[in-house]
């Protein structure tokens, strides 16, 4: 996990963004972000292996299913939660929203 965060920080710096443009530690606690990054990584690995005509013994779909089960288990244990709120409940402010809050552009 630490290696993934460091890689993402290096990529954001490499593409001209400083490492303060995104809070990667916080983003990786979000289920959607975590699943998206992991499934993308699995797809990339299978594409690279395919380019070299290497056929893994386990299918990509099986790996994606295992990743999904692992992330859901982390959610059940309370490790992966909404990182924008303290604890496992929504804030009082968030409970009053009818739609997601949009930041004002300066």
PDB file of N, CA and C in Angstrom:
ATOM      1  N   UNK A   1       0.828  -1.192   0.000  1.00  0.00           N
ATOM      2  CA  UNK A   1       0.000   0.000   0.000  1.00  0.00           C
ATOM      3  C   UNK A   1       0.871   1.255   0.000  1.00  0.00           C
ATOM      4  N   UNK A   2       1.929   1.252   0.806  1.00  0.00           N
ATOM      5  CA  UNK A   2       2.833   2.403   0.866  1.00  0.00           C
ATOM      6  C   UNK A   2       3.509   2.602  -0.484  1.00  0.00           C
ATOM      7  N   UNK A   3       3.899   1.500  -1.118  1.00  0.00           N
ATOM      8  CA  UNK A   3       4.531   1.588  -2.434  1.00  0.00           C
ATOM      9  C   UNK A   3       3.571   2.198  -3.449  1.00  0.00           C
ATOM     10  N   UNK A   4       2.292   1.828  -3.382  1.00  0.00           N
ATOM     11  CA  UNK A   4       1.289   2.372  -4.294  1.00  0.00           C
ATOM     12  C   UNK A   4       1.148   3.876  -4.097  1.00  0.00           C
ATOM     13  N   UNK A   5       1.108   4.329  -2.846  1.00  0.00           N
ATOM     14  CA  UNK A   5       0.993   5.762  -2.559  1.00  0.00           C
ATOM     15  C   UNK A   5       2.209   6.507  -3.106  1.00  0.00           C
ATOM     16  N   UNK A   6       3.392   5.966  -2.871  1.00  0.00           N
ATOM     17  CA  UNK A   6       4.612   6.618  -3.352  1.00  0.00           C
ATOM     18  C   UNK A   6       4.633   6.670  -4.878  1.00  0.00           C
ATOM     19  N   UNK A   7       4.200   5.606  -5.527  1.00  0.00           N
ATOM     20  CA  UNK A   7       4.150   5.587  -6.991  1.00  0.00           C
ATOM     21  C   UNK A   7       3.193   6.644  -7.511  1.00  0.00           C
ATOM     22  N   UNK A   8       2.018   6.750  -6.901  1.00  0.00           N
ATOM     23  CA  UNK A   8       1.036   7.741  -7.324  1.00  0.00           C
ATOM     24  C   UNK A   8       1.552   9.158  -7.114  1.00  0.00           C
ATOM     25  N   UNK A   9       2.258   9.387  -6.023  1.00  0.00           N
ATOM     26  CA  UNK A   9       2.843  10.708  -5.778  1.00  0.00           C
ATOM     27  C   UNK A   9       3.895  11.041  -6.830  1.00  0.00           C
ATOM     28  N   UNK A  10       4.736  10.061  -7.159  1.00  0.00           N
ATOM     29  CA  UNK A  10       5.752  10.292  -8.190  1.00  0.00           C
ATOM     30  C   UNK A  10       5.110  10.582  -9.534  1.00  0.00           C
ATOM     31  N   UNK A  11       4.034   9.867  -9.861  1.00  0.00           N
ATOM     32  CA  UNK A  11       3.345  10.111 -11.126  1.00  0.00           C
ATOM     33  C   UNK A  11       2.724  11.499 -11.161  1.00  0.00           C
ATOM     34  N   UNK A  12       2.135  11.933 -10.049  1.00  0.00           N
ATOM     35  CA  UNK A  12       1.524  13.258 -10.039  1.00  0.00           C
ATOM     36  C   UNK A  12       2.581  14.346 -10.187  1.00  0.00           C
ATOM     37  N   UNK A  13       3.756  14.145  -9.602  1.00  0.00           N
ATOM     38  CA  UNK A  13       4.847  15.102  -9.754  1.00  0.00           C
ATOM     39  C   UNK A  13       5.382  15.058 -11.190  1.00  0.00           C
ATOM     40  N   UNK A  14       5.479  13.864 -11.758  1.00  0.00           N
ATOM     41  CA  UNK A  14       6.001  13.712 -13.116  1.00  0.00           C
ATOM     42  C   UNK A  14       5.112  14.395 -14.142  1.00  0.00           C
ATOM     43  N   UNK A  15       3.814  14.456 -13.881  1.00  0.00           N
ATOM     44  CA  UNK A  15       2.899  15.085 -14.820  1.00  0.00           C
ATOM     45  C   UNK A  15       2.657  16.549 -14.489  1.00  0.00           C
ATOM     46  N   UNK A  16       3.576  17.159 -13.722  1.00  0.00           N
ATOM     47  CA  UNK A  16       3.542  18.586 -13.497  1.00  0.00           C
ATOM     48  C   UNK A  16       2.673  19.029 -12.333  1.00  0.00           C
ATOM     49  N   UNK A  17       2.217  18.094 -11.523  1.00  0.00           N
ATOM     50  CA  UNK A  17       1.407  18.485 -10.379  1.00  0.00           C
ATOM     51  C   UNK A  17       2.232  18.242  -9.125  1.00  0.00           C
ATOM     52  N   UNK A  18       2.119  19.156  -8.182  1.00  0.00           N
ATOM     53  CA  UNK A  18       2.847  18.922  -6.946  1.00  0.00           C
ATOM     54  C   UNK A  18       2.100  17.886  -6.112  1.00  0.00           C
ATOM     55  N   UNK A  19       2.788  17.332  -5.118  1.00  0.00           N
ATOM     56  CA  UNK A  19       2.198  16.256  -4.350  1.00  0.00           C
ATOM     57  C   UNK A  19       1.099  16.728  -3.395  1.00  0.00           C
ATOM     58  N   UNK A  20       0.816  18.029  -3.366  1.00  0.00           N
ATOM     59  CA  UNK A  20      -0.270  18.525  -2.518  1.00  0.00           C
ATOM     60  C   UNK A  20      -1.566  18.680  -3.299  1.00  0.00           C
ATOM     61  N   UNK A  21      -1.576  18.323  -4.590  1.00  0.00           N
ATOM     62  CA  UNK A  21      -2.781  18.485  -5.393  1.00  0.00           C
ATOM     63  C   UNK A  21      -3.831  17.432  -5.065  1.00  0.00           C
ATOM     64  N   UNK A  22      -3.412  16.303  -4.510  1.00  0.00           N
ATOM     65  CA  UNK A  22      -4.339  15.262  -4.094  1.00  0.00           C
ATOM     66  C   UNK A  22      -3.836  14.622  -2.823  1.00  0.00           C
ATOM     67  N   UNK A  23      -4.760  14.282  -1.955  1.00  0.00           N
ATOM     68  CA  UNK A  23      -4.416  13.590  -0.728  1.00  0.00           C
ATOM     69  C   UNK A  23      -4.563  12.093  -1.001  1.00  0.00           C
ATOM     70  N   UNK A  24      -3.482  11.450  -1.478  1.00  0.00           N
ATOM     71  CA  UNK A  24      -3.555  10.055  -1.898  1.00  0.00           C
ATOM     72  C   UNK A  24      -3.834   9.117  -0.742  1.00  0.00           C
ATOM     73  N   UNK A  25      -3.291   9.401   0.438  1.00  0.00           N
ATOM     74  CA  UNK A  25      -3.574   8.543   1.591  1.00  0.00           C
ATOM     75  C   UNK A  25      -5.074   8.514   1.867  1.00  0.00           C
ATOM     76  N   UNK A  26      -5.706   9.675   1.780  1.00  0.00           N
ATOM     77  CA  UNK A  26      -7.130   9.777   2.020  1.00  0.00           C
ATOM     78  C   UNK A  26      -7.923   9.123   0.893  1.00  0.00           C
ATOM     79  N   UNK A  27      -7.512   9.349  -0.333  1.00  0.00           N
ATOM     80  CA  UNK A  27      -8.223   8.764  -1.477  1.00  0.00           C
ATOM     81  C   UNK A  27      -8.197   7.246  -1.463  1.00  0.00           C
ATOM     82  N   UNK A  28      -7.096   6.651  -0.996  1.00  0.00           N
ATOM     83  CA  UNK A  28      -6.996   5.195  -0.982  1.00  0.00           C
ATOM     84  C   UNK A  28      -7.861   4.559   0.095  1.00  0.00           C
ATOM     85  N   UNK A  29      -8.419   5.366   0.982  1.00  0.00           N
ATOM     86  CA  UNK A  29      -9.369   4.835   1.962  1.00  0.00           C
ATOM     87  C   UNK A  29     -10.786   4.807   1.403  1.00  0.00           C
ATOM     88  N   UNK A  30     -10.959   5.317   0.197  1.00  0.00           N
ATOM     89  CA  UNK A  30     -12.259   5.341  -0.458  1.00  0.00           C
ATOM     90  C   UNK A  30     -12.418   4.068  -1.290  1.00  0.00           C
ATOM     91  N   UNK A  31     -13.528   3.353  -1.069  1.00  0.00           N
ATOM     92  CA  UNK A  31     -13.740   2.066  -1.731  1.00  0.00           C
ATOM     93  C   UNK A  31     -13.702   2.184  -3.254  1.00  0.00           C
ATOM     94  N   UNK A  32     -14.374   3.165  -3.796  1.00  0.00           N
ATOM     95  CA  UNK A  32     -14.435   3.317  -5.251  1.00  0.00           C
ATOM     96  C   UNK A  32     -13.054   3.558  -5.838  1.00  0.00           C
ATOM     97  N   UNK A  33     -12.285   4.440  -5.227  1.00  0.00           N
ATOM     98  CA  UNK A  33     -10.932   4.730  -5.707  1.00  0.00           C
ATOM     99  C   UNK A  33     -10.055   3.497  -5.611  1.00  0.00           C
ATOM    100  N   UNK A  34     -10.145   2.800  -4.497  1.00  0.00           N
ATOM    101  CA  UNK A  34      -9.320   1.614  -4.278  1.00  0.00           C
ATOM    102  C   UNK A  34      -9.626   0.531  -5.302  1.00  0.00           C
ATOM    103  N   UNK A  35     -10.896   0.243  -5.530  1.00  0.00           N
ATOM    104  CA  UNK A  35     -11.271  -0.781  -6.509  1.00  0.00           C
ATOM    105  C   UNK A  35     -10.852  -0.358  -7.917  1.00  0.00           C
ATOM    106  N   UNK A  36     -11.048   0.906  -8.246  1.00  0.00           N
ATOM    107  CA  UNK A  36     -10.672   1.395  -9.575  1.00  0.00           C
ATOM    108  C   UNK A  36      -9.171   1.239  -9.817  1.00  0.00           C
ATOM    109  N   UNK A  37      -8.363   1.653  -8.857  1.00  0.00           N
ATOM    110  CA  UNK A  37      -6.915   1.549  -9.022  1.00  0.00           C
ATOM    111  C   UNK A  37      -6.459   0.094  -9.105  1.00  0.00           C
ATOM    112  N   UNK A  38      -7.010  -0.756  -8.249  1.00  0.00           N
ATOM    113  CA  UNK A  38      -6.588  -2.154  -8.253  1.00  0.00           C
ATOM    114  C   UNK A  38      -7.007  -2.881  -9.527  1.00  0.00           C
ATOM    115  N   UNK A  39      -8.235  -2.649  -9.989  1.00  0.00           N
ATOM    116  CA  UNK A  39      -8.669  -3.319 -11.219  1.00  0.00           C
ATOM    117  C   UNK A  39      -7.905  -2.798 -12.435  1.00  0.00           C
ATOM    118  N   UNK A  40      -7.574  -1.519 -12.420  1.00  0.00           N
ATOM    119  CA  UNK A  40      -6.769  -0.955 -13.503  1.00  0.00           C
ATOM    120  C   UNK A  40      -5.373  -1.567 -13.502  1.00  0.00           C
ATOM    121  N   UNK A  41      -4.806  -1.741 -12.325  1.00  0.00           N
ATOM    122  CA  UNK A  41      -3.492  -2.360 -12.200  1.00  0.00           C
ATOM    123  C   UNK A  41      -3.520  -3.803 -12.708  1.00  0.00           C
ATOM    124  N   UNK A  42      -4.557  -4.557 -12.341  1.00  0.00           N
ATOM    125  CA  UNK A  42      -4.693  -5.941 -12.815  1.00  0.00           C
ATOM    126  C   UNK A  42      -4.803  -5.967 -14.340  1.00  0.00           C
ATOM    127  N   UNK A  43      -5.638  -5.084 -14.894  1.00  0.00           N
ATOM    128  CA  UNK A  43      -5.797  -5.028 -16.355  1.00  0.00           C
ATOM    129  C   UNK A  43      -4.470  -4.700 -17.038  1.00  0.00           C
ATOM    130  N   UNK A  44      -3.720  -3.745 -16.478  1.00  0.00           N
ATOM    131  CA  UNK A  44      -2.426  -3.379 -17.042  1.00  0.00           C
ATOM    132  C   UNK A  44      -1.467  -4.568 -17.040  1.00  0.00           C
ATOM    133  N   UNK A  45      -1.423  -5.275 -15.932  1.00  0.00           N
ATOM    134  CA  UNK A  45      -0.536  -6.444 -15.830  1.00  0.00           C
ATOM    135  C   UNK A  45      -0.905  -7.481 -16.882  1.00  0.00           C
ATOM    136  N   UNK A  46      -2.195  -7.758 -17.032  1.00  0.00           N
ATOM    137  CA  UNK A  46      -2.621  -8.748 -18.022  1.00  0.00           C
ATOM    138  C   UNK A  46      -2.340  -8.276 -19.454  1.00  0.00           C
ATOM    139  N   UNK A  47      -2.440  -6.984 -19.706  1.00  0.00           N
ATOM    140  CA  UNK A  47      -2.117  -6.466 -21.037  1.00  0.00           C
ATOM    141  C   UNK A  47      -0.633  -6.607 -21.342  1.00  0.00           C
ATOM    142  N   UNK A  48       0.205  -6.309 -20.363  1.00  0.00           N
ATOM    143  CA  UNK A  48       1.653  -6.453 -20.552  1.00  0.00           C
ATOM    144  C   UNK A  48       2.001  -7.921 -20.769  1.00  0.00           C
ATOM    145  N   UNK A  49       1.429  -8.804 -19.953  1.00  0.00           N
ATOM    146  CA  UNK A  49       1.679 -10.232 -20.128  1.00  0.00           C
ATOM    147  C   UNK A  49       1.206 -10.707 -21.507  1.00  0.00           C
ATOM    148  N   UNK A  50       0.059 -10.210 -21.946  1.00  0.00           N
ATOM    149  CA  UNK A  50      -0.471 -10.569 -23.260  1.00  0.00           C
ATOM    150  C   UNK A  50       0.433 -10.113 -24.385  1.00  0.00           C
ATOM    151  N   UNK A  51       1.063  -8.970 -24.213  1.00  0.00           N
ATOM    152  CA  UNK A  51       1.977  -8.458 -25.234  1.00  0.00           C
ATOM    153  C   UNK A  51       3.183  -9.382 -25.422  1.00  0.00           C
ATOM    154  N   UNK A  52       3.526 -10.115 -24.374  1.00  0.00           N
ATOM    155  CA  UNK A  52       4.648 -11.058 -24.436  1.00  0.00           C
ATOM    156  C   UNK A  52       4.176 -12.508 -24.584  1.00  0.00           C
ATOM    157  N   UNK A  53       2.896 -12.674 -24.925  1.00  0.00           N
ATOM    158  CA  UNK A  53       2.289 -14.003 -25.107  1.00  0.00           C
ATOM    159  C   UNK A  53       2.432 -14.900 -23.880  1.00  0.00           C
ATOM    160  N   UNK A  54       2.356 -14.289 -22.704  1.00  0.00           N
ATOM    161  CA  UNK A  54       2.391 -15.044 -21.452  1.00  0.00           C
ATOM    162  C   UNK A  54       0.952 -15.183 -20.971  1.00  0.00           C
ATOM    163  N   UNK A  55       0.540 -16.421 -20.738  1.00  0.00           N
ATOM    164  CA  UNK A  55      -0.831 -16.681 -20.291  1.00  0.00           C
ATOM    165  C   UNK A  55      -0.776 -17.128 -18.829  1.00  0.00           C
ATOM    166  N   UNK A  56      -1.249 -16.274 -17.900  1.00  0.00           N
ATOM    167  CA  UNK A  56      -1.248 -16.655 -16.482  1.00  0.00           C
ATOM    168  C   UNK A  56      -2.179 -17.840 -16.234  1.00  0.00           C
ATOM    169  N   UNK A  57      -1.910 -18.570 -15.171  1.00  0.00           N
ATOM    170  CA  UNK A  57      -2.707 -19.735 -14.826  1.00  0.00           C
ATOM    171  C   UNK A  57      -4.081 -19.403 -14.274  1.00  0.00           C
ATOM    172  N   UNK A  58      -4.309 -18.144 -13.938  1.00  0.00           N
ATOM    173  CA  UNK A  58      -5.601 -17.725 -13.393  1.00  0.00           C
ATOM    174  C   UNK A  58      -6.134 -16.588 -14.273  1.00  0.00           C
ATOM    175  N   UNK A  59      -7.437 -16.593 -14.499  1.00  0.00           N
ATOM    176  CA  UNK A  59      -8.018 -15.600 -15.404  1.00  0.00           C
ATOM    177  C   UNK A  59      -8.085 -14.215 -14.755  1.00  0.00           C
ATOM    178  N   UNK A  60      -8.139 -13.209 -15.612  1.00  0.00           N
ATOM    179  CA  UNK A  60      -8.246 -11.830 -15.131  1.00  0.00           C
ATOM    180  C   UNK A  60      -9.531 -11.633 -14.328  1.00  0.00           C
ATOM    181  N   UNK A  61     -10.631 -12.238 -14.791  1.00  0.00           N
ATOM    182  CA  UNK A  61     -11.905 -12.125 -14.068  1.00  0.00           C
ATOM    183  C   UNK A  61     -11.813 -12.702 -12.664  1.00  0.00           C
ATOM    184  N   UNK A  62     -11.081 -13.801 -12.517  1.00  0.00           N
ATOM    185  CA  UNK A  62     -10.912 -14.403 -11.191  1.00  0.00           C
ATOM    186  C   UNK A  62     -10.140 -13.476 -10.264  1.00  0.00           C
ATOM    187  N   UNK A  63      -9.108 -12.838 -10.793  1.00  0.00           N
ATOM    188  CA  UNK A  63      -8.313 -11.891  -9.994  1.00  0.00           C
ATOM    189  C   UNK A  63      -9.185 -10.707  -9.578  1.00  0.00           C
ATOM    190  N   UNK A  64      -9.979 -10.177 -10.514  1.00  0.00           N
ATOM    191  CA  UNK A  64     -10.857  -9.037 -10.214  1.00  0.00           C
ATOM    192  C   UNK A  64     -11.857  -9.426  -9.125  1.00  0.00           C
ATOM    193  N   UNK A  65     -12.385 -10.649  -9.200  1.00  0.00           N
ATOM    194  CA  UNK A  65     -13.324 -11.121  -8.179  1.00  0.00           C
ATOM    195  C   UNK A  65     -12.645 -11.197  -6.814  1.00  0.00           C
ATOM    196  N   UNK A  66     -11.419 -11.701  -6.783  1.00  0.00           N
ATOM    197  CA  UNK A  66     -10.673 -11.792  -5.518  1.00  0.00           C
ATOM    198  C   UNK A  66     -10.399 -10.400  -4.958  1.00  0.00           C
ATOM    199  N   UNK A  67     -10.016  -9.461  -5.825  1.00  0.00           N
ATOM    200  CA  UNK A  67      -9.775  -8.078  -5.393  1.00  0.00           C
ATOM    201  C   UNK A  67     -11.059  -7.489  -4.808  1.00  0.00           C
ATOM    202  N   UNK A  68     -12.181  -7.701  -5.481  1.00  0.00           N
ATOM    203  CA  UNK A  68     -13.465  -7.198  -4.981  1.00  0.00           C
ATOM    204  C   UNK A  68     -13.816  -7.766  -3.629  1.00  0.00           C
ATOM    205  N   UNK A  69     -13.599  -9.060  -3.446  1.00  0.00           N
ATOM    206  CA  UNK A  69     -13.875  -9.703  -2.155  1.00  0.00           C
ATOM    207  C   UNK A  69     -12.973  -9.119  -1.074  1.00  0.00           C
ATOM    208  N   UNK A  70     -11.695  -8.917  -1.398  1.00  0.00           N
ATOM    209  CA  UNK A  70     -10.753  -8.365  -0.418  1.00  0.00           C
ATOM    210  C   UNK A  70     -11.145  -6.948   0.003  1.00  0.00           C
ATOM    211  N   UNK A  71     -11.514  -6.108  -0.966  1.00  0.00           N
ATOM    212  CA  UNK A  71     -11.906  -4.728  -0.645  1.00  0.00           C
ATOM    213  C   UNK A  71     -13.202  -4.725   0.165  1.00  0.00           C
ATOM    214  N   UNK A  72     -14.154  -5.582  -0.197  1.00  0.00           N
ATOM    215  CA  UNK A  72     -15.398  -5.658   0.575  1.00  0.00           C
ATOM    216  C   UNK A  72     -15.139  -6.133   2.000  1.00  0.00           C
ATOM    217  N   UNK A  73     -14.198  -7.054   2.171  1.00  0.00           N
ATOM    218  CA  UNK A  73     -13.835  -7.501   3.516  1.00  0.00           C
ATOM    219  C   UNK A  73     -13.236  -6.344   4.319  1.00  0.00           C
ATOM    220  N   UNK A  74     -12.392  -5.538   3.669  1.00  0.00           N
ATOM    221  CA  UNK A  74     -11.826  -4.363   4.344  1.00  0.00           C
ATOM    222  C   UNK A  74     -12.923  -3.377   4.739  1.00  0.00           C
ATOM    223  N   UNK A  75     -13.941  -3.250   3.897  1.00  0.00           N
ATOM    224  CA  UNK A  75     -15.072  -2.371   4.220  1.00  0.00           C
ATOM    225  C   UNK A  75     -15.842  -2.902   5.423  1.00  0.00           C
ATOM    226  N   UNK A  76     -16.071  -4.204   5.440  1.00  0.00           N
ATOM    227  CA  UNK A  76     -16.782  -4.809   6.571  1.00  0.00           C
ATOM    228  C   UNK A  76     -16.022  -4.632   7.879  1.00  0.00           C
ATOM    229  N   UNK A  77     -14.702  -4.657   7.808  1.00  0.00           N
ATOM    230  CA  UNK A  77     -13.871  -4.480   8.998  1.00  0.00           C
ATOM    231  C   UNK A  77     -13.719  -3.011   9.390  1.00  0.00           C
ATOM    232  N   UNK A  78     -14.226  -2.113   8.554  1.00  0.00           N
ATOM    233  CA  UNK A  78     -14.144  -0.688   8.860  1.00  0.00           C
ATOM    234  C   UNK A  78     -12.822  -0.052   8.487  1.00  0.00           C
ATOM    235  N   UNK A  79     -12.012  -0.744   7.705  1.00  0.00           N
ATOM    236  CA  UNK A  79     -10.715  -0.208   7.304  1.00  0.00           C
ATOM    237  C   UNK A  79     -10.882   0.765   6.142  1.00  0.00           C
ATOM    238  N   UNK A  80     -11.763   0.423   5.209  1.00  0.00           N
ATOM    239  CA  UNK A  80     -12.063   1.292   4.078  1.00  0.00           C
ATOM    240  C   UNK A  80     -13.427   1.912   4.329  1.00  0.00           C
ATOM    241  N   UNK A  81     -13.443   3.219   4.549  1.00  0.00           N
ATOM    242  CA  UNK A  81     -14.679   3.948   4.826  1.00  0.00           C
ATOM    243  C   UNK A  81     -14.652   5.262   4.058  1.00  0.00           C
ATOM    244  N   UNK A  82     -15.708   6.057   4.204  1.00  0.00           N
ATOM    245  CA  UNK A  82     -15.721   7.377   3.582  1.00  0.00           C
ATOM    246  C   UNK A  82     -14.672   8.231   4.277  1.00  0.00           C
ATOM    247  N   UNK A  83     -13.599   8.582   3.577  1.00  0.00           N
ATOM    248  CA  UNK A  83     -12.510   9.298   4.226  1.00  0.00           C
ATOM    249  C   UNK A  83     -12.804  10.773   4.487  1.00  0.00           C
ATOM    250  N   UNK A  84     -13.926  11.266   4.014  1.00  0.00           N
ATOM    251  CA  UNK A  84     -14.214  12.687   4.188  1.00  0.00           C
ATOM    252  C   UNK A  84     -14.966  12.976   5.485  1.00  0.00           C
ATOM    253  N   UNK A  85     -15.293  11.937   6.236  1.00  0.00           N
ATOM    254  CA  UNK A  85     -15.980  12.135   7.503  1.00  0.00           C
ATOM    255  C   UNK A  85     -15.220  11.422   8.609  1.00  0.00           C
ATOM    256  N   UNK A  86     -15.391  11.889   9.828  1.00  0.00           N
ATOM    257  CA  UNK A  86     -14.771  11.266  10.975  1.00  0.00           C
ATOM    258  C   UNK A  86     -15.649  10.104  11.413  1.00  0.00           C
ATOM    259  N   UNK A  87     -15.067   8.934  11.591  1.00  0.00           N
ATOM    260  CA  UNK A  87     -15.845   7.767  12.001  1.00  0.00           C
ATOM    261  C   UNK A  87     -16.536   7.123  10.818  1.00  0.00           C
ATOM    262  N   UNK A  88     -17.653   6.434  11.098  1.00  0.00           N
ATOM    263  CA  UNK A  88     -18.333   5.700  10.021  1.00  0.00           C
ATOM    264  C   UNK A  88     -19.665   6.322   9.637  1.00  0.00           C
ATOM    265  N   UNK A  89     -20.022   7.438  10.249  1.00  0.00           N
ATOM    266  CA  UNK A  89     -21.280   8.098   9.908  1.00  0.00           C
ATOM    267  C   UNK A  89     -21.007   9.379   9.129  1.00  0.00           C
ATOM    268  N   UNK A  90     -22.030   9.878   8.453  1.00  0.00           N
ATOM    269  CA  UNK A  90     -21.902  11.151   7.747  1.00  0.00           C
ATOM    270  C   UNK A  90     -21.954  12.311   8.740  1.00  0.00           C
ATOM    271  N   UNK A  91     -21.323  13.414   8.369  1.00  0.00           N
ATOM    272  CA  UNK A  91     -21.353  14.602   9.219  1.00  0.00           C
ATOM    273  C   UNK A  91     -22.748  15.212   9.200  1.00  0.00           C
ATOM    274  N   UNK A  92     -23.031  16.068  10.175  1.00  0.00           N
ATOM    275  CA  UNK A  92     -24.330  16.749  10.209  1.00  0.00           C
ATOM    276  C   UNK A  92     -24.527  17.579   8.943  1.00  0.00           C
ATOM    277  N   UNK A  93     -23.462  18.220   8.479  1.00  0.00           N
ATOM    278  CA  UNK A  93     -23.537  19.031   7.264  1.00  0.00           C
ATOM    279  C   UNK A  93     -23.896  18.155   6.067  1.00  0.00           C
ATOM    280  N   UNK A  94     -23.265  16.988   5.951  1.00  0.00           N
ATOM    281  CA  UNK A  94     -23.537  16.101   4.821  1.00  0.00           C
ATOM    282  C   UNK A  94     -24.962  15.550   4.857  1.00  0.00           C
ATOM    283  N   UNK A  95     -25.509  15.381   6.039  1.00  0.00           N
ATOM    284  CA  UNK A  95     -26.874  14.862   6.164  1.00  0.00           C
ATOM    285  C   UNK A  95     -27.904  15.856   5.629  1.00  0.00           C
ATOM    286  N   UNK A  96     -27.526  17.135   5.530  1.00  0.00           N
ATOM    287  CA  UNK A  96     -28.448  18.159   5.052  1.00  0.00           C
ATOM    288  C   UNK A  96     -28.404  18.337   3.534  1.00  0.00           C
ATOM    289  N   UNK A  97     -27.457  17.687   2.852  1.00  0.00           N
ATOM    290  CA  UNK A  97     -27.327  17.839   1.404  1.00  0.00           C
ATOM    291  C   UNK A  97     -28.446  17.116   0.661  1.00  0.00           C
ATOM    292  N   UNK A  98     -28.950  17.753  -0.411  1.00  0.00           N
ATOM    293  CA  UNK A  98     -29.858  17.090  -1.334  1.00  0.00           C
ATOM    294  C   UNK A  98     -29.084  16.535  -2.523  1.00  0.00           C
ATOM    295  N   UNK A  99     -27.910  17.129  -2.764  1.00  0.00           N
ATOM    296  CA  UNK A  99     -27.012  16.676  -3.822  1.00  0.00           C
ATOM    297  C   UNK A  99     -25.591  16.962  -3.341  1.00  0.00           C
ATOM    298  N   UNK A 100     -24.584  16.356  -3.970  1.00  0.00           N
ATOM    299  CA  UNK A 100     -23.191  16.582  -3.521  1.00  0.00           C
ATOM    300  C   UNK A 100     -22.816  18.063  -3.548  1.00  0.00           C
ATOM    301  N   UNK A 101     -22.018  18.445  -2.565  1.00  0.00           N
ATOM    302  CA  UNK A 101     -21.563  19.823  -2.488  1.00  0.00           C
ATOM    303  C   UNK A 101     -20.553  20.099  -3.594  1.00  0.00           C
ATOM    304  N   UNK A 102     -20.673  21.229  -4.235  1.00  0.00           N
ATOM    305  CA  UNK A 102     -19.764  21.652  -5.294  1.00  0.00           C
ATOM    306  C   UNK A 102     -18.930  22.810  -4.770  1.00  0.00           C
ATOM    307  N   UNK A 103     -17.622  22.692  -4.871  1.00  0.00           N
ATOM    308  CA  UNK A 103     -16.739  23.765  -4.412  1.00  0.00           C
ATOM    309  C   UNK A 103     -16.882  24.976  -5.322  1.00  0.00           C
ATOM    310  N   UNK A 104     -16.841  26.146  -4.717  1.00  0.00           N
ATOM    311  CA  UNK A 104     -16.903  27.397  -5.469  1.00  0.00           C
ATOM    312  C   UNK A 104     -15.578  27.625  -6.182  1.00  0.00           C
ATOM    313  N   UNK A 105     -15.632  28.057  -7.423  1.00  0.00           N
ATOM    314  CA  UNK A 105     -14.421  28.358  -8.205  1.00  0.00           C
ATOM    315  C   UNK A 105     -14.032  29.803  -7.928  1.00  0.00           C
ATOM    316  N   UNK A 106     -12.774  29.996  -7.569  1.00  0.00           N
ATOM    317  CA  UNK A 106     -12.315  31.370  -7.260  1.00  0.00           C
ATOM    318  C   UNK A 106     -11.887  32.099  -8.483  1.00  0.00           C
TER     319      UNK A 106
END
